[in-house]
Every structure is written in C-alpha cells, then in structure tokens.
Amino acid sequence: MTNDVTPTSAAPASGLSVPAAAPSGAVAPTGPYAERERLITENLKQIYDPEIPMNIVDLGLIYGFEWAGDDVTLKMTLTSPGCPVAGILAEEIKGAVEKVPAVHTAKVDMIWDPPWSPERMSEFAKRQFGYM
C-alpha cells in the first residue's frame, strides 16, 4: 500500500479550484470537475476534526483540488502542524474522496502555507464558535 499523503509547505497553486463550501469570499468551483468537487465536499463534511467539534470543510481546512484526468489531489491543512492524528485523518479523507463516482485515485497534500486561522472558517462555523 502506498502512502498518498504528502506533507508540503508549498502554498496552493493559483489554478487550484476551491471547494464548494469555501470560506466567505471564495469562488465556488466551476468547470468539468465542479460536480465531483461538490460530491467530495459533501463527503468531507462528514469528517470532523478530532479536537474541535466541527467538520473539516466548515473549519476551512480544505484549500482546494488539483485534477489530472480522474485523479485528484486534495490540498488541505490542519489547525496545527503537530496534530497527532494527521496521518489517520488524511487516510479517512482519502477514502471519502475515493467514494465519489468518477474519482479514480485521490491523494491528500498537507500544506502549511498559508497557515490555518479562524478567518478560514465558514460563516456557520464562525457563528458556532462565537466569531460573529
């Protein structure tokens, strides 16, 4: 079994498509992969951060998708680089992405630049945690 989780410090590429539930001001995905990204995002909303009672999409941990045919690389971060369950969480995320029809393989790229901050959270999450 290969490890499809790749830690990197590179910032998201400018051509990165952002998830449908991206933080305020972000553009929803369009183009040939928009429906797959919507389905991926729905699946990812079922995965919760183990330390914070909120799903990873509304927390703003998903930075976007890069496609190569039917293969996708999910760019994401964590609230802390020292998260002890990073590998386990990444495998759970990979599995959720690969459940979407027409996704052949998924890879999870952990990126740390830009770092996560509460500003990345959805309006829903901000209201839940008292930021609004």
Protein backbone atom coordinates (compact mmCIF):
# COMPACT_ATOMS: atom_id res chain seq x y z
CA MET A 1 0.00 0.00 0.00
CA THR A 2 1.41 3.37 -0.95
CA ASN A 3 1.05 6.42 1.19
CA ASP A 4 -0.86 9.05 -0.76
CA VAL A 5 -0.47 11.68 1.93
CA THR A 6 2.21 14.16 1.06
CA PRO A 7 3.24 16.87 3.53
CA THR A 8 4.48 20.01 1.87
CA SER A 9 4.91 23.64 2.75
CA ALA A 10 4.06 24.96 -0.68
CA ALA A 11 1.20 27.41 -1.00
CA PRO A 12 -1.79 26.41 -3.12
CA ALA A 13 -1.28 26.97 -6.82
CA SER A 14 -3.15 29.86 -8.40
CA GLY A 15 -5.08 27.40 -10.60
CA LEU A 16 -6.32 25.46 -7.58
CA SER A 17 -10.06 25.03 -7.57
CA VAL A 18 -11.61 25.76 -4.18
CA PRO A 19 -14.25 23.60 -2.52
CA ALA A 20 -17.94 24.47 -2.82
CA ALA A 21 -18.11 25.35 0.86
CA ALA A 22 -15.02 27.53 0.87
CA PRO A 23 -14.75 30.41 3.34
CA SER A 24 -16.59 33.65 2.71
CA GLY A 25 -15.49 35.44 -0.43
CA ALA A 26 -14.14 32.32 -2.14
CA VAL A 27 -15.47 31.30 -5.52
CA ALA A 28 -17.39 28.02 -5.84
CA PRO A 29 -15.91 25.54 -8.31
CA THR A 30 -16.94 25.63 -11.94
CA GLY A 31 -15.83 23.66 -14.93
CA PRO A 32 -15.63 19.98 -15.75
CA TYR A 33 -14.94 18.84 -12.17
CA ALA A 34 -17.48 21.02 -10.34
CA GLU A 35 -20.00 18.21 -9.70
CA ARG A 36 -17.31 15.84 -8.43
CA GLU A 37 -15.96 18.55 -6.15
CA ARG A 38 -19.45 19.19 -4.81
CA LEU A 39 -19.84 15.47 -4.01
CA ILE A 40 -16.36 15.31 -2.47
CA THR A 41 -17.19 18.32 -0.30
CA GLU A 42 -20.42 16.64 0.87
CA ASN A 43 -18.42 13.56 1.89
CA LEU A 44 -15.80 15.67 3.64
CA LYS A 45 -18.49 17.42 5.70
CA GLN A 46 -19.00 14.06 7.43
CA ILE A 47 -15.42 14.12 8.77
CA TYR A 48 -14.82 16.04 11.98
CA ASP A 49 -11.65 17.43 13.43
CA PRO A 50 -10.84 15.15 16.38
CA GLU A 51 -10.18 18.09 18.73
CA ILE A 52 -12.80 20.60 17.56
CA PRO A 53 -16.49 19.74 17.24
CA MET A 54 -16.80 20.88 13.62
CA ASN A 55 -16.40 19.26 10.21
CA ILE A 56 -13.20 19.84 8.26
CA VAL A 57 -14.93 21.76 5.45
CA ASP A 58 -16.59 24.35 7.69
CA LEU A 59 -13.36 24.68 9.66
CA GLY A 60 -11.72 25.84 6.42
CA LEU A 61 -9.14 23.06 6.35
CA ILE A 62 -9.77 22.24 2.68
CA TYR A 63 -7.80 24.55 0.39
CA GLY A 64 -8.81 23.05 -2.94
CA PHE A 65 -8.44 20.39 -5.61
CA GLU A 66 -6.00 19.70 -8.43
CA TRP A 67 -7.15 17.32 -11.14
CA ALA A 68 -5.27 15.12 -13.61
CA GLY A 69 -7.99 13.29 -15.51
CA ASP A 70 -9.95 11.28 -12.94
CA ASP A 71 -7.19 11.54 -10.30
CA VAL A 72 -7.44 14.29 -7.71
CA THR A 73 -5.05 15.84 -5.23
CA LEU A 74 -6.81 17.42 -2.28
CA LYS A 75 -4.86 20.35 -0.81
CA MET A 76 -5.60 20.85 2.85
CA THR A 77 -4.15 21.89 6.17
CA LEU A 78 -4.76 21.22 9.83
CA THR A 79 -5.33 23.63 12.68
CA SER A 80 -1.86 22.71 13.97
CA PRO A 81 1.16 21.15 12.24
CA GLY A 82 1.67 18.99 15.33
CA CYS A 83 -1.73 17.28 15.07
CA PRO A 84 -1.17 13.73 16.40
CA VAL A 85 -3.84 12.17 14.15
CA ALA A 86 -2.76 13.80 10.88
CA GLY A 87 -1.96 10.51 9.15
CA ILE A 88 -5.13 8.75 10.29
CA LEU A 89 -7.27 11.75 9.35
CA ALA A 90 -5.63 12.00 5.93
CA GLU A 91 -6.38 8.33 5.22
CA GLU A 92 -10.03 8.85 6.24
CA ILE A 93 -10.21 11.87 3.92
CA LYS A 94 -8.61 9.95 1.04
CA GLY A 95 -11.21 7.20 1.45
CA ALA A 96 -14.08 9.71 1.47
CA VAL A 97 -12.80 11.34 -1.73
CA GLU A 98 -12.38 7.99 -3.49
CA LYS A 99 -16.04 7.09 -2.76
CA VAL A 100 -17.15 9.73 -5.26
CA PRO A 101 -18.11 8.30 -8.67
CA ALA A 102 -15.61 9.06 -11.43
CA VAL A 103 -12.73 9.65 -8.98
CA HIS A 104 -10.08 7.07 -9.79
CA THR A 105 -7.47 7.86 -7.14
CA ALA A 106 -7.07 10.52 -4.50
CA LYS A 107 -4.01 11.98 -2.87
CA VAL A 108 -4.02 14.24 0.19
CA ASP A 109 -1.42 17.02 0.26
CA MET A 110 -0.97 18.62 3.69
CA ILE A 111 0.18 22.19 3.27
CA TRP A 112 1.13 24.67 5.96
CA ASP A 113 1.46 27.88 3.97
CA PRO A 114 -0.76 29.76 4.30
CA PRO A 115 -1.34 28.57 7.84
CA TRP A 116 -4.85 27.89 9.06
CA SER A 117 -6.56 30.65 11.03
CA PRO A 118 -10.15 31.14 12.25
CA GLU A 119 -10.75 33.53 9.35
CA ARG A 120 -10.81 30.47 7.04
CA MET A 121 -13.90 29.07 8.77
CA SER A 122 -17.32 29.20 7.11
CA GLU A 123 -19.88 31.67 8.44
CA PHE A 124 -21.67 28.71 10.02
CA ALA A 125 -18.56 27.68 11.98
CA LYS A 126 -17.80 31.27 12.95
CA ARG A 127 -21.32 31.62 14.39
CA GLN A 128 -20.99 28.30 16.25
CA PHE A 129 -17.75 29.41 17.88
CA GLY A 130 -18.83 33.00 18.61
CA TYR A 131 -16.73 34.78 15.96
CA MET A 132 -19.83 36.50 14.55
